[in-house]
Amino acid sequence: MRALIRYWRSKEIICKNYVNNFWVAHPYQKVLLYIRDSVILEDLKTCRFVIAEKDYLDSAQNMKYYGIVLDTVTKMVTVPNTKINDVICCLQNILVKKHLTA
């Protein structure tokens, strides 16, 4: 998968992978759909990857990534208040403890 990500990036396709998942971004939905259909899916088929039924192939111009919202149209990254509160809670717990476990 990393080889495909590297290849797509060399074609100036904005993409990111995590374990066995990945996403592709573009500010224009028509271009994103073209990239998905003409590049990504064709390369996956050529490399004999199996696309499971549960895989999400719909196009979206904003998506959640680790709880953070990425908007490819406005080029904005938004952190929801729930995520901020969760991080603050975790940091407060760390500050209270004298020892942390892995």
N, C-alpha and C. Protein backbone atom coordinates (compact mmCIF):
# COMPACT_ATOMS: atom_id res chain seq x y z
N MET A 1 0.84 -1.19 0.00
CA MET A 1 0.00 0.00 0.00
C MET A 1 0.88 1.25 0.00
N ARG A 2 1.97 1.21 0.76
CA ARG A 2 2.83 2.40 0.80
C ARG A 2 3.40 2.74 -0.58
N ALA A 3 3.68 1.71 -1.36
CA ALA A 3 4.19 1.95 -2.72
C ALA A 3 3.15 2.66 -3.57
N LEU A 4 1.89 2.26 -3.44
CA LEU A 4 0.83 2.94 -4.19
C LEU A 4 0.65 4.38 -3.72
N ILE A 5 0.69 4.59 -2.42
CA ILE A 5 0.57 5.96 -1.89
C ILE A 5 1.70 6.82 -2.43
N ARG A 6 2.91 6.30 -2.42
CA ARG A 6 4.06 7.04 -2.95
C ARG A 6 3.87 7.34 -4.43
N TYR A 7 3.36 6.37 -5.18
CA TYR A 7 3.12 6.54 -6.61
C TYR A 7 2.06 7.62 -6.85
N TRP A 8 0.94 7.54 -6.11
CA TRP A 8 -0.11 8.54 -6.28
C TRP A 8 0.37 9.93 -5.91
N ARG A 9 1.16 10.03 -4.86
CA ARG A 9 1.69 11.34 -4.48
C ARG A 9 2.62 11.89 -5.54
N SER A 10 3.35 11.01 -6.23
CA SER A 10 4.22 11.48 -7.32
C SER A 10 3.41 12.06 -8.46
N LYS A 11 2.11 11.67 -8.54
CA LYS A 11 1.20 12.23 -9.54
C LYS A 11 0.43 13.42 -8.97
N GLU A 12 0.90 13.92 -7.81
CA GLU A 12 0.32 15.07 -7.12
C GLU A 12 -1.11 14.82 -6.65
N ILE A 13 -1.41 13.56 -6.31
CA ILE A 13 -2.69 13.21 -5.71
C ILE A 13 -2.52 13.29 -4.20
N ILE A 14 -3.40 14.03 -3.56
CA ILE A 14 -3.34 14.18 -2.10
C ILE A 14 -3.96 12.94 -1.48
N CYS A 15 -3.16 12.17 -0.74
CA CYS A 15 -3.67 10.94 -0.14
C CYS A 15 -2.89 10.62 1.13
N LYS A 16 -3.50 9.80 1.95
CA LYS A 16 -2.90 9.40 3.22
C LYS A 16 -3.37 7.99 3.52
N ASN A 17 -2.50 7.19 4.12
CA ASN A 17 -2.91 5.85 4.51
C ASN A 17 -2.71 5.63 6.00
N TYR A 18 -3.47 4.66 6.51
CA TYR A 18 -3.35 4.23 7.90
C TYR A 18 -3.65 2.75 7.92
N VAL A 19 -2.66 1.96 8.26
CA VAL A 19 -2.72 0.50 8.27
C VAL A 19 -3.19 0.02 6.89
N ASN A 20 -4.42 -0.47 6.77
CA ASN A 20 -4.86 -0.96 5.46
C ASN A 20 -5.97 -0.08 4.86
N ASN A 21 -6.10 1.13 5.36
CA ASN A 21 -7.08 2.09 4.83
C ASN A 21 -6.36 3.31 4.28
N PHE A 22 -7.03 4.03 3.42
CA PHE A 22 -6.46 5.27 2.90
C PHE A 22 -7.58 6.19 2.46
N TRP A 23 -7.23 7.45 2.28
CA TRP A 23 -8.19 8.42 1.75
C TRP A 23 -7.48 9.30 0.73
N VAL A 24 -8.28 9.86 -0.17
CA VAL A 24 -7.79 10.74 -1.23
C VAL A 24 -8.59 12.03 -1.15
N ALA A 25 -7.94 13.15 -1.34
CA ALA A 25 -8.63 14.43 -1.22
C ALA A 25 -8.38 15.31 -2.45
N HIS A 26 -9.37 16.12 -2.76
CA HIS A 26 -9.25 17.15 -3.80
C HIS A 26 -10.38 18.15 -3.58
N PRO A 27 -10.11 19.45 -3.77
CA PRO A 27 -11.15 20.46 -3.50
C PRO A 27 -12.33 20.42 -4.48
N TYR A 28 -12.16 19.82 -5.64
CA TYR A 28 -13.25 19.75 -6.62
C TYR A 28 -13.76 18.32 -6.72
N GLN A 29 -15.06 18.16 -6.47
CA GLN A 29 -15.63 16.82 -6.42
C GLN A 29 -15.51 16.08 -7.75
N LYS A 30 -15.68 16.78 -8.87
CA LYS A 30 -15.57 16.12 -10.17
C LYS A 30 -14.17 15.55 -10.39
N VAL A 31 -13.17 16.31 -9.96
CA VAL A 31 -11.79 15.83 -10.09
C VAL A 31 -11.56 14.65 -9.15
N LEU A 32 -12.10 14.74 -7.94
CA LEU A 32 -11.97 13.65 -6.97
C LEU A 32 -12.58 12.36 -7.52
N LEU A 33 -13.76 12.47 -8.11
CA LEU A 33 -14.40 11.29 -8.70
C LEU A 33 -13.59 10.72 -9.86
N TYR A 34 -13.02 11.60 -10.67
CA TYR A 34 -12.16 11.15 -11.77
C TYR A 34 -10.94 10.41 -11.22
N ILE A 35 -10.31 10.98 -10.20
CA ILE A 35 -9.14 10.34 -9.59
C ILE A 35 -9.52 8.97 -9.04
N ARG A 36 -10.67 8.90 -8.35
CA ARG A 36 -11.12 7.63 -7.77
C ARG A 36 -11.33 6.59 -8.85
N ASP A 37 -12.08 6.96 -9.89
CA ASP A 37 -12.48 5.99 -10.91
C ASP A 37 -11.36 5.65 -11.90
N SER A 38 -10.60 6.64 -12.30
CA SER A 38 -9.62 6.44 -13.36
C SER A 38 -8.21 6.11 -12.87
N VAL A 39 -7.91 6.46 -11.65
CA VAL A 39 -6.56 6.22 -11.14
C VAL A 39 -6.59 5.21 -10.00
N ILE A 40 -7.23 5.57 -8.90
CA ILE A 40 -7.18 4.76 -7.68
C ILE A 40 -7.74 3.36 -7.90
N LEU A 41 -8.98 3.27 -8.36
CA LEU A 41 -9.60 1.95 -8.53
C LEU A 41 -8.87 1.11 -9.58
N GLU A 42 -8.41 1.75 -10.65
CA GLU A 42 -7.66 1.02 -11.68
C GLU A 42 -6.35 0.48 -11.13
N ASP A 43 -5.64 1.30 -10.34
CA ASP A 43 -4.38 0.84 -9.75
C ASP A 43 -4.62 -0.28 -8.75
N LEU A 44 -5.69 -0.17 -7.96
CA LEU A 44 -6.01 -1.23 -7.00
C LEU A 44 -6.33 -2.54 -7.72
N LYS A 45 -7.08 -2.46 -8.82
CA LYS A 45 -7.40 -3.66 -9.59
C LYS A 45 -6.13 -4.26 -10.20
N THR A 46 -5.27 -3.40 -10.74
CA THR A 46 -4.03 -3.87 -11.35
C THR A 46 -3.16 -4.60 -10.32
N CYS A 47 -3.15 -4.09 -9.10
CA CYS A 47 -2.35 -4.71 -8.04
C CYS A 47 -3.10 -5.84 -7.34
N ARG A 48 -4.30 -6.16 -7.84
CA ARG A 48 -5.13 -7.26 -7.34
C ARG A 48 -5.58 -7.08 -5.89
N PHE A 49 -5.81 -5.83 -5.49
CA PHE A 49 -6.40 -5.58 -4.19
C PHE A 49 -7.88 -5.92 -4.25
N VAL A 50 -8.40 -6.44 -3.17
CA VAL A 50 -9.82 -6.76 -3.08
C VAL A 50 -10.51 -5.62 -2.34
N ILE A 51 -11.56 -5.09 -2.94
CA ILE A 51 -12.33 -4.01 -2.31
C ILE A 51 -13.52 -4.65 -1.63
N ALA A 52 -13.51 -4.62 -0.30
CA ALA A 52 -14.58 -5.24 0.48
C ALA A 52 -15.86 -4.43 0.37
N GLU A 53 -16.98 -5.09 0.57
CA GLU A 53 -18.28 -4.40 0.50
C GLU A 53 -18.40 -3.30 1.54
N LYS A 54 -17.72 -3.47 2.67
CA LYS A 54 -17.82 -2.48 3.74
C LYS A 54 -16.97 -1.23 3.46
N ASP A 55 -16.09 -1.31 2.46
CA ASP A 55 -15.24 -0.15 2.15
C ASP A 55 -16.09 1.02 1.67
N TYR A 56 -15.64 2.20 2.03
CA TYR A 56 -16.37 3.43 1.75
C TYR A 56 -15.78 4.08 0.51
N LEU A 57 -16.52 4.04 -0.60
CA LEU A 57 -16.01 4.60 -1.86
C LEU A 57 -16.71 5.88 -2.27
N ASP A 58 -17.65 6.34 -1.46
CA ASP A 58 -18.34 7.59 -1.79
C ASP A 58 -17.38 8.77 -1.67
N SER A 59 -17.65 9.78 -2.46
CA SER A 59 -16.82 10.97 -2.37
C SER A 59 -17.40 11.91 -1.31
N ALA A 60 -16.52 12.56 -0.62
CA ALA A 60 -16.92 13.54 0.39
C ALA A 60 -15.86 14.63 0.40
N GLN A 61 -16.31 15.85 0.57
CA GLN A 61 -15.35 16.95 0.58
C GLN A 61 -14.95 17.34 1.99
N ASN A 62 -15.57 16.72 2.96
CA ASN A 62 -15.06 16.84 4.32
C ASN A 62 -15.22 15.49 5.00
N MET A 63 -14.28 15.19 5.87
CA MET A 63 -14.27 13.89 6.51
C MET A 63 -13.63 13.97 7.87
N LYS A 64 -13.93 12.99 8.71
CA LYS A 64 -13.30 12.91 10.02
C LYS A 64 -12.07 12.03 9.92
N TYR A 65 -11.00 12.49 10.52
CA TYR A 65 -9.73 11.76 10.56
C TYR A 65 -9.19 11.91 11.96
N TYR A 66 -9.19 10.81 12.72
CA TYR A 66 -8.81 10.84 14.14
C TYR A 66 -9.65 11.83 14.92
N GLY A 67 -10.92 11.99 14.56
CA GLY A 67 -11.82 12.89 15.28
C GLY A 67 -11.71 14.35 14.85
N ILE A 68 -10.82 14.65 13.93
CA ILE A 68 -10.64 16.01 13.43
C ILE A 68 -11.31 16.08 12.06
N VAL A 69 -11.99 17.18 11.77
CA VAL A 69 -12.71 17.32 10.51
C VAL A 69 -11.82 18.03 9.49
N LEU A 70 -11.58 17.36 8.36
CA LEU A 70 -10.79 17.93 7.26
C LEU A 70 -11.74 18.37 6.16
N ASP A 71 -11.67 19.62 5.76
CA ASP A 71 -12.52 20.16 4.70
C ASP A 71 -11.63 20.52 3.52
N THR A 72 -11.77 19.78 2.41
CA THR A 72 -10.90 20.01 1.26
C THR A 72 -11.34 21.18 0.40
N VAL A 73 -12.55 21.69 0.62
CA VAL A 73 -13.03 22.83 -0.15
C VAL A 73 -12.46 24.12 0.44
N THR A 74 -12.66 24.29 1.75
CA THR A 74 -12.19 25.51 2.41
C THR A 74 -10.75 25.39 2.88
N LYS A 75 -10.18 24.19 2.76
CA LYS A 75 -8.82 23.91 3.23
C LYS A 75 -8.69 24.23 4.71
N MET A 76 -9.70 23.82 5.46
CA MET A 76 -9.74 24.07 6.91
C MET A 76 -9.70 22.74 7.66
N VAL A 77 -9.05 22.78 8.81
CA VAL A 77 -9.05 21.66 9.74
C VAL A 77 -9.77 22.15 10.99
N THR A 78 -10.81 21.43 11.39
CA THR A 78 -11.62 21.83 12.54
C THR A 78 -11.54 20.75 13.60
N VAL A 79 -11.31 21.19 14.84
CA VAL A 79 -11.30 20.26 15.96
C VAL A 79 -12.60 20.47 16.74
N PRO A 80 -13.48 19.45 16.76
CA PRO A 80 -14.74 19.58 17.48
C PRO A 80 -14.51 19.76 18.98
N ASN A 81 -15.45 20.44 19.63
CA ASN A 81 -15.33 20.68 21.07
C ASN A 81 -15.22 19.39 21.86
N THR A 82 -15.90 18.34 21.43
CA THR A 82 -15.82 17.07 22.15
C THR A 82 -14.39 16.52 22.13
N LYS A 83 -13.72 16.67 21.01
CA LYS A 83 -12.33 16.22 20.90
C LYS A 83 -11.42 17.06 21.79
N ILE A 84 -11.62 18.36 21.79
CA ILE A 84 -10.82 19.25 22.65
C ILE A 84 -11.03 18.87 24.11
N ASN A 85 -12.29 18.66 24.52
CA ASN A 85 -12.58 18.29 25.90
C ASN A 85 -11.95 16.96 26.28
N ASP A 86 -11.98 16.00 25.36
CA ASP A 86 -11.36 14.69 25.62
C ASP A 86 -9.85 14.82 25.83
N VAL A 87 -9.21 15.63 25.01
CA VAL A 87 -7.77 15.83 25.13
C VAL A 87 -7.43 16.54 26.44
N ILE A 88 -8.20 17.56 26.79
CA ILE A 88 -7.97 18.28 28.06
C ILE A 88 -8.13 17.32 29.24
N CYS A 89 -9.14 16.48 29.20
CA CYS A 89 -9.37 15.50 30.27
C CYS A 89 -8.18 14.54 30.40
N CYS A 90 -7.69 14.05 29.28
CA CYS A 90 -6.53 13.16 29.29
C CYS A 90 -5.29 13.86 29.86
N LEU A 91 -5.07 15.09 29.44
CA LEU A 91 -3.91 15.85 29.93
C LEU A 91 -4.01 16.11 31.43
N GLN A 92 -5.21 16.41 31.92
CA GLN A 92 -5.40 16.62 33.35
C GLN A 92 -5.11 15.34 34.13
N ASN A 93 -5.53 14.20 33.60
CA ASN A 93 -5.22 12.92 34.25
C ASN A 93 -3.72 12.66 34.29
N ILE A 94 -3.03 13.02 33.24
CA ILE A 94 -1.58 12.84 33.19
C ILE A 94 -0.90 13.72 34.23
N LEU A 95 -1.36 14.95 34.36
CA LEU A 95 -0.75 15.88 35.32
C LEU A 95 -0.95 15.44 36.77
N VAL A 96 -2.04 14.75 37.04
CA VAL A 96 -2.36 14.32 38.42
C VAL A 96 -1.50 13.12 38.83
N LYS A 97 -1.22 12.25 37.91
CA LYS A 97 -0.49 11.02 38.22
C LYS A 97 1.01 11.28 38.31
N LYS A 98 1.65 10.53 39.22
CA LYS A 98 3.10 10.64 39.37
C LYS A 98 3.80 9.71 38.40
N HIS A 99 3.17 8.59 38.06
CA HIS A 99 3.76 7.61 37.16
C HIS A 99 2.75 7.27 36.06
N LEU A 100 3.24 7.12 34.87
CA LEU A 100 2.39 6.73 33.75
C LEU A 100 2.78 5.34 33.28
N THR A 101 1.82 4.56 32.89
CA THR A 101 2.10 3.25 32.32
C THR A 101 1.91 3.32 30.82
N ALA A 102 2.62 2.46 30.13
CA ALA A 102 2.55 2.46 28.67
C ALA A 102 1.26 1.87 28.17
